PDB file of N, CA and C in Angstrom:
ATOM      1  N   UNK A   1      22.288  41.537 -86.633  1.00  0.00           N
ATOM      2  CA  UNK A   1      23.193  40.376 -87.350  1.00  0.00           C
ATOM      3  C   UNK A   1      22.064  39.966 -88.100  1.00  0.00           C
ATOM      4  N   UNK A   2      22.492  39.749 -89.474  1.00  0.00           N
ATOM      5  CA  UNK A   2      22.423  38.639 -90.369  1.00  0.00           C
ATOM      6  C   UNK A   2      21.309  37.575 -89.820  1.00  0.00           C
ATOM      7  N   UNK A   3      22.094  36.431 -88.686  1.00  0.00           N
ATOM      8  CA  UNK A   3      21.497  35.329 -89.122  1.00  0.00           C
ATOM      9  C   UNK A   3      20.044  35.480 -87.777  1.00  0.00           C
ATOM     10  N   UNK A   4      20.287  36.280 -87.094  1.00  0.00           N
ATOM     11  CA  UNK A   4      19.117  36.635 -86.594  1.00  0.00           C
ATOM     12  C   UNK A   4      18.049  36.753 -87.536  1.00  0.00           C
ATOM     13  N   UNK A   5      17.793  37.174 -88.580  1.00  0.00           N
ATOM     14  CA  UNK A   5      16.742  37.494 -89.859  1.00  0.00           C
ATOM     15  C   UNK A   5      17.309  35.810 -90.831  1.00  0.00           C
ATOM     16  N   UNK A   6      17.433  35.436 -90.933  1.00  0.00           N
ATOM     17  CA  UNK A   6      17.402  33.864 -90.905  1.00  0.00           C
ATOM     18  C   UNK A   6      15.954  32.870 -90.801  1.00  0.00           C
ATOM     19  N   UNK A   7      15.542  32.322 -91.571  1.00  0.00           N
ATOM     20  CA  UNK A   7      14.355  31.767 -91.282  1.00  0.00           C
ATOM     21  C   UNK A   7      14.961  30.276 -91.919  1.00  0.00           C
ATOM     22  N   UNK A   8      14.894  29.118 -91.184  1.00  0.00           N
ATOM     23  CA  UNK A   8      15.435  27.453 -91.664  1.00  0.00           C
ATOM     24  C   UNK A   8      14.419  26.711 -91.922  1.00  0.00           C
ATOM     25  N   UNK A   9      13.623  27.186 -92.705  1.00  0.00           N
ATOM     26  CA  UNK A   9      12.572  25.687 -92.272  1.00  0.00           C
ATOM     27  C   UNK A   9      12.621  24.283 -93.220  1.00  0.00           C
ATOM     28  N   UNK A  10      12.398  23.324 -92.234  1.00  0.00           N
ATOM     29  CA  UNK A  10      12.682  21.720 -92.706  1.00  0.00           C
ATOM     30  C   UNK A  10      11.388  21.138 -93.214  1.00  0.00           C
ATOM     31  N   UNK A  11      11.618  20.069 -93.719  1.00  0.00           N
ATOM     32  CA  UNK A  11      10.744  18.647 -94.496  1.00  0.00           C
ATOM     33  C   UNK A  11      10.966  17.682 -93.389  1.00  0.00           C
ATOM     34  N   UNK A  12      10.309  17.540 -92.870  1.00  0.00           N
ATOM     35  CA  UNK A  12      10.464  16.615 -91.909  1.00  0.00           C
ATOM     36  C   UNK A  12       9.184  15.360 -92.200  1.00  0.00           C
ATOM     37  N   UNK A  13       8.342  15.914 -93.972  1.00  0.00           N
ATOM     38  CA  UNK A  13       7.651  14.546 -94.308  1.00  0.00           C
ATOM     39  C   UNK A  13       8.500  13.210 -94.914  1.00  0.00           C
ATOM     40  N   UNK A  14       7.652  11.991 -94.696  1.00  0.00           N
ATOM     41  CA  UNK A  14       8.637  10.511 -95.029  1.00  0.00           C
ATOM     42  C   UNK A  14      10.155  10.611 -94.162  1.00  0.00           C
ATOM     43  N   UNK A  15      10.237  11.223 -93.142  1.00  0.00           N
ATOM     44  CA  UNK A  15      12.063  11.154 -92.313  1.00  0.00           C
ATOM     45  C   UNK A  15      10.743  10.379 -90.905  1.00  0.00           C
ATOM     46  N   UNK A  16      12.378   9.277 -90.834  1.00  0.00           N
ATOM     47  CA  UNK A  16      11.855   8.657 -89.318  1.00  0.00           C
ATOM     48  C   UNK A  16      12.846   9.934 -88.267  1.00  0.00           C
ATOM     49  N   UNK A  17      11.819   9.288 -86.941  1.00  0.00           N
ATOM     50  CA  UNK A  17      13.326  10.290 -87.020  1.00  0.00           C
ATOM     51  C   UNK A  17      14.589  10.002 -85.980  1.00  0.00           C
ATOM     52  N   UNK A  18      15.226  10.250 -85.289  1.00  0.00           N
ATOM     53  CA  UNK A  18      16.811  10.176 -84.547  1.00  0.00           C
ATOM     54  C   UNK A  18      16.687   9.551 -84.512  1.00  0.00           C
ATOM     55  N   UNK A  19      18.027   8.235 -84.579  1.00  0.00           N
ATOM     56  CA  UNK A  19      18.077   7.217 -83.757  1.00  0.00           C
ATOM     57  C   UNK A  19      18.966   8.581 -82.647  1.00  0.00           C
ATOM     58  N   UNK A  20      19.065   7.920 -81.692  1.00  0.00           N
ATOM     59  CA  UNK A  20      19.649   8.702 -80.839  1.00  0.00           C
ATOM     60  C   UNK A  20      21.071   7.784 -79.434  1.00  0.00           C
ATOM     61  N   UNK A  21      20.598   6.559 -79.870  1.00  0.00           N
ATOM     62  CA  UNK A  21      21.538   5.544 -78.882  1.00  0.00           C
ATOM     63  C   UNK A  21      22.467   4.273 -79.656  1.00  0.00           C
ATOM     64  N   UNK A  22      23.528   3.697 -79.552  1.00  0.00           N
ATOM     65  CA  UNK A  22      24.318   3.144 -79.883  1.00  0.00           C
ATOM     66  C   UNK A  22      23.070   2.020 -80.267  1.00  0.00           C
ATOM     67  N   UNK A  23      22.165   1.390 -79.016  1.00  0.00           N
ATOM     68  CA  UNK A  23      21.533   0.257 -78.945  1.00  0.00           C
ATOM     69  C   UNK A  23      20.851   0.447 -79.811  1.00  0.00           C
ATOM     70  N   UNK A  24      19.489   1.951 -80.024  1.00  0.00           N
ATOM     71  CA  UNK A  24      18.403   1.548 -81.247  1.00  0.00           C
ATOM     72  C   UNK A  24      19.561   1.635 -82.571  1.00  0.00           C
ATOM     73  N   UNK A  25      20.756   2.601 -83.089  1.00  0.00           N
ATOM     74  CA  UNK A  25      20.806   1.494 -83.959  1.00  0.00           C
ATOM     75  C   UNK A  25      21.407   0.192 -84.297  1.00  0.00           C
ATOM     76  N   UNK A  26      21.549   0.014 -83.189  1.00  0.00           N
ATOM     77  CA  UNK A  26      22.226  -2.145 -83.995  1.00  0.00           C
ATOM     78  C   UNK A  26      20.553  -2.688 -84.426  1.00  0.00           C
ATOM     79  N   UNK A  27      19.762  -2.236 -83.523  1.00  0.00           N
ATOM     80  CA  UNK A  27      18.264  -2.492 -83.167  1.00  0.00           C
ATOM     81  C   UNK A  27      17.921  -2.831 -84.544  1.00  0.00           C
ATOM     82  N   UNK A  28      18.465  -0.889 -85.465  1.00  0.00           N
ATOM     83  CA  UNK A  28      17.633  -0.758 -86.758  1.00  0.00           C
ATOM     84  C   UNK A  28      18.218  -1.604 -87.912  1.00  0.00           C
ATOM     85  N   UNK A  29      19.460  -1.978 -87.468  1.00  0.00           N
ATOM     86  CA  UNK A  29      20.701  -2.099 -88.270  1.00  0.00           C
ATOM     87  C   UNK A  29      21.221  -0.734 -89.472  1.00  0.00           C
ATOM     88  N   UNK A  30      21.513   0.233 -88.342  1.00  0.00           N
ATOM     89  CA  UNK A  30      22.074   1.583 -89.149  1.00  0.00           C
ATOM     90  C   UNK A  30      23.135   1.492 -88.404  1.00  0.00           C
ATOM     91  N   UNK A  31      24.118   1.523 -90.491  1.00  0.00           N
ATOM     92  CA  UNK A  31      25.888   1.413 -89.650  1.00  0.00           C
ATOM     93  C   UNK A  31      25.833   2.445 -90.818  1.00  0.00           C
ATOM     94  N   UNK A  32      27.206   3.387 -90.151  1.00  0.00           N
ATOM     95  CA  UNK A  32      27.748   3.454 -91.625  1.00  0.00           C
ATOM     96  C   UNK A  32      29.421   3.034 -91.699  1.00  0.00           C
ATOM     97  N   UNK A  33      30.184   2.641 -92.631  1.00  0.00           N
ATOM     98  CA  UNK A  33      31.042   2.587 -93.212  1.00  0.00           C
ATOM     99  C   UNK A  33      33.097   4.196 -92.618  1.00  0.00           C
ATOM    100  N   UNK A  34      33.672   3.126 -91.801  1.00  0.00           N
ATOM    101  CA  UNK A  34      34.200   3.919 -91.266  1.00  0.00           C
ATOM    102  C   UNK A  34      35.378   3.937 -92.365  1.00  0.00           C
ATOM    103  N   UNK A  35      35.325   5.442 -92.602  1.00  0.00           N
ATOM    104  CA  UNK A  35      36.993   5.295 -93.663  1.00  0.00           C
ATOM    105  C   UNK A  35      37.581   4.541 -93.946  1.00  0.00           C
ATOM    106  N   UNK A  36      38.746   4.112 -94.385  1.00  0.00           N
ATOM    107  CA  UNK A  36      39.714   3.423 -94.445  1.00  0.00           C
ATOM    108  C   UNK A  36      40.915   4.184 -93.544  1.00  0.00           C
ATOM    109  N   UNK A  37      41.103   5.421 -94.295  1.00  0.00           N
ATOM    110  CA  UNK A  37      42.378   5.694 -93.636  1.00  0.00           C
ATOM    111  C   UNK A  37      42.007   6.372 -91.883  1.00  0.00           C
ATOM    112  N   UNK A  38      41.013   5.980 -90.725  1.00  0.00           N
ATOM    113  CA  UNK A  38      41.145   5.700 -90.323  1.00  0.00           C
ATOM    114  C   UNK A  38      41.138   4.809 -89.470  1.00  0.00           C
ATOM    115  N   UNK A  39      40.807   4.049 -90.339  1.00  0.00           N
ATOM    116  CA  UNK A  39      40.637   2.112 -89.423  1.00  0.00           C
ATOM    117  C   UNK A  39      42.350   1.850 -89.597  1.00  0.00           C
ATOM    118  N   UNK A  40      42.622   1.077 -88.332  1.00  0.00           N
ATOM    119  CA  UNK A  40      44.193   0.755 -88.554  1.00  0.00           C
ATOM    120  C   UNK A  40      44.225  -0.254 -88.755  1.00  0.00           C
ATOM    121  N   UNK A  41      45.706  -0.924 -89.538  1.00  0.00           N
ATOM    122  CA  UNK A  41      46.001  -1.522 -90.182  1.00  0.00           C
ATOM    123  C   UNK A  41      45.702  -2.821 -89.631  1.00  0.00           C
ATOM    124  N   UNK A  42      45.642  -3.644 -90.514  1.00  0.00           N
ATOM    125  CA  UNK A  42      45.211  -5.303 -89.487  1.00  0.00           C
ATOM    126  C   UNK A  42      46.298  -6.136 -89.526  1.00  0.00           C
ATOM    127  N   UNK A  43      46.802  -6.187 -88.395  1.00  0.00           N
ATOM    128  CA  UNK A  43      47.865  -7.605 -87.890  1.00  0.00           C
ATOM    129  C   UNK A  43      47.793  -8.904 -87.876  1.00  0.00           C
ATOM    130  N   UNK A  44      47.977 -10.105 -88.183  1.00  0.00           N
ATOM    131  CA  UNK A  44      48.235 -10.675 -87.651  1.00  0.00           C
ATOM    132  C   UNK A  44      46.555 -11.556 -87.926  1.00  0.00           C
ATOM    133  N   UNK A  45      46.384 -12.761 -87.753  1.00  0.00           N
ATOM    134  CA  UNK A  45      44.761 -12.982 -87.632  1.00  0.00           C
ATOM    135  C   UNK A  45      44.363 -13.497 -86.527  1.00  0.00           C
ATOM    136  N   UNK A  46      43.076 -12.594 -86.275  1.00  0.00           N
ATOM    137  CA  UNK A  46      42.088 -12.292 -85.181  1.00  0.00           C
ATOM    138  C   UNK A  46      41.668 -13.787 -84.289  1.00  0.00           C
ATOM    139  N   UNK A  47      40.902 -14.627 -85.460  1.00  0.00           N
ATOM    140  CA  UNK A  47      40.127 -15.578 -84.790  1.00  0.00           C
ATOM    141  C   UNK A  47      41.303 -16.592 -83.900  1.00  0.00           C
ATOM    142  N   UNK A  48      42.403 -16.598 -85.216  1.00  0.00           N
ATOM    143  CA  UNK A  48      44.064 -17.725 -84.155  1.00  0.00           C
ATOM    144  C   UNK A  48      44.370 -16.746 -83.410  1.00  0.00           C
ATOM    145  N   UNK A  49      44.520 -15.830 -82.679  1.00  0.00           N
ATOM    146  CA  UNK A  49      45.147 -15.509 -81.757  1.00  0.00           C
ATOM    147  C   UNK A  49      44.345 -15.369 -80.870  1.00  0.00           C
ATOM    148  N   UNK A  50      42.606 -15.589 -81.066  1.00  0.00           N
ATOM    149  CA  UNK A  50      42.048 -15.789 -79.900  1.00  0.00           C
ATOM    150  C   UNK A  50      41.659 -16.873 -79.700  1.00  0.00           C
ATOM    151  N   UNK A  51      41.976 -17.531 -80.149  1.00  0.00           N
ATOM    152  CA  UNK A  51      42.098 -19.015 -79.606  1.00  0.00           C
ATOM    153  C   UNK A  51      43.036 -19.192 -79.080  1.00  0.00           C
ATOM    154  N   UNK A  52      44.339 -19.134 -79.258  1.00  0.00           N
ATOM    155  CA  UNK A  52      45.941 -19.178 -78.880  1.00  0.00           C
ATOM    156  C   UNK A  52      45.510 -18.541 -77.566  1.00  0.00           C
ATOM    157  N   UNK A  53      44.932 -17.790 -77.334  1.00  0.00           N
ATOM    158  CA  UNK A  53      45.165 -16.479 -75.708  1.00  0.00           C
ATOM    159  C   UNK A  53      44.522 -17.679 -74.430  1.00  0.00           C
ATOM    160  N   UNK A  54      45.934 -17.293 -73.780  1.00  0.00           N
ATOM    161  CA  UNK A  54      45.585 -17.358 -72.283  1.00  0.00           C
ATOM    162  C   UNK A  54      44.582 -17.020 -71.601  1.00  0.00           C
ATOM    163  N   UNK A  55      43.830 -16.528 -71.805  1.00  0.00           N
ATOM    164  CA  UNK A  55      43.303 -15.444 -71.107  1.00  0.00           C
ATOM    165  C   UNK A  55      41.513 -15.502 -72.311  1.00  0.00           C
ATOM    166  N   UNK A  56      39.729 -15.663 -72.371  1.00  0.00           N
ATOM    167  CA  UNK A  56      38.865 -15.691 -72.820  1.00  0.00           C
ATOM    168  C   UNK A  56      38.235 -15.014 -72.662  1.00  0.00           C
ATOM    169  N   UNK A  57      37.705 -14.036 -73.437  1.00  0.00           N
ATOM    170  CA  UNK A  57      36.910 -13.075 -73.447  1.00  0.00           C
ATOM    171  C   UNK A  57      34.946 -13.937 -73.908  1.00  0.00           C
ATOM    172  N   UNK A  58      34.319 -13.897 -73.110  1.00  0.00           N
ATOM    173  CA  UNK A  58      33.429 -15.012 -72.638  1.00  0.00           C
ATOM    174  C   UNK A  58      31.605 -13.805 -73.137  1.00  0.00           C
ATOM    175  N   UNK A  59      32.553 -12.889 -73.100  1.00  0.00           N
ATOM    176  CA  UNK A  59      31.270 -12.147 -73.503  1.00  0.00           C
ATOM    177  C   UNK A  59      31.414 -10.395 -72.717  1.00  0.00           C
ATOM    178  N   UNK A  60      30.272  -9.009 -73.160  1.00  0.00           N
ATOM    179  CA  UNK A  60      31.090  -8.484 -73.433  1.00  0.00           C
ATOM    180  C   UNK A  60      30.066  -7.086 -73.419  1.00  0.00           C
ATOM    181  N   UNK A  61      30.933  -5.915 -72.796  1.00  0.00           N
ATOM    182  CA  UNK A  61      29.174  -4.687 -73.485  1.00  0.00           C
ATOM    183  C   UNK A  61      29.753  -3.984 -73.517  1.00  0.00           C
ATOM    184  N   UNK A  62      29.496  -2.598 -74.619  1.00  0.00           N
ATOM    185  CA  UNK A  62      29.904  -1.238 -74.497  1.00  0.00           C
ATOM    186  C   UNK A  62      28.635  -0.601 -73.978  1.00  0.00           C
ATOM    187  N   UNK A  63      28.868   0.758 -73.789  1.00  0.00           N
ATOM    188  CA  UNK A  63      27.448   1.889 -73.166  1.00  0.00           C
ATOM    189  C   UNK A  63      28.791   2.994 -73.242  1.00  0.00           C
ATOM    190  N   UNK A  64      27.487   3.607 -73.600  1.00  0.00           N
ATOM    191  CA  UNK A  64      28.518   6.063 -74.124  1.00  0.00           C
ATOM    192  C   UNK A  64      27.008   6.121 -73.191  1.00  0.00           C
ATOM    193  N   UNK A  65      27.769   6.764 -72.770  1.00  0.00           N
ATOM    194  CA  UNK A  65      26.491   7.958 -71.860  1.00  0.00           C
ATOM    195  C   UNK A  65      26.408   9.251 -73.070  1.00  0.00           C
ATOM    196  N   UNK A  66      25.664   9.693 -72.141  1.00  0.00           N
ATOM    197  CA  UNK A  66      25.312  11.009 -73.482  1.00  0.00           C
ATOM    198  C   UNK A  66      25.237  12.184 -72.809  1.00  0.00           C
TER     199      UNK A  66
END
């Protein structure tokens, strides 16, 4: 098979190690822009809605397994 004959050489000079977790990305401020067609349309004023809400979120944490 042709794929068995392929040779791929990666030049890793001047490359930083990969970011492997959400927490590491946050620490390194490594983010990407979400394309606008994926983002939901904003409806209303978020801050106003949270201020008027009966229940308040005081803190939150999100974790993703790998």
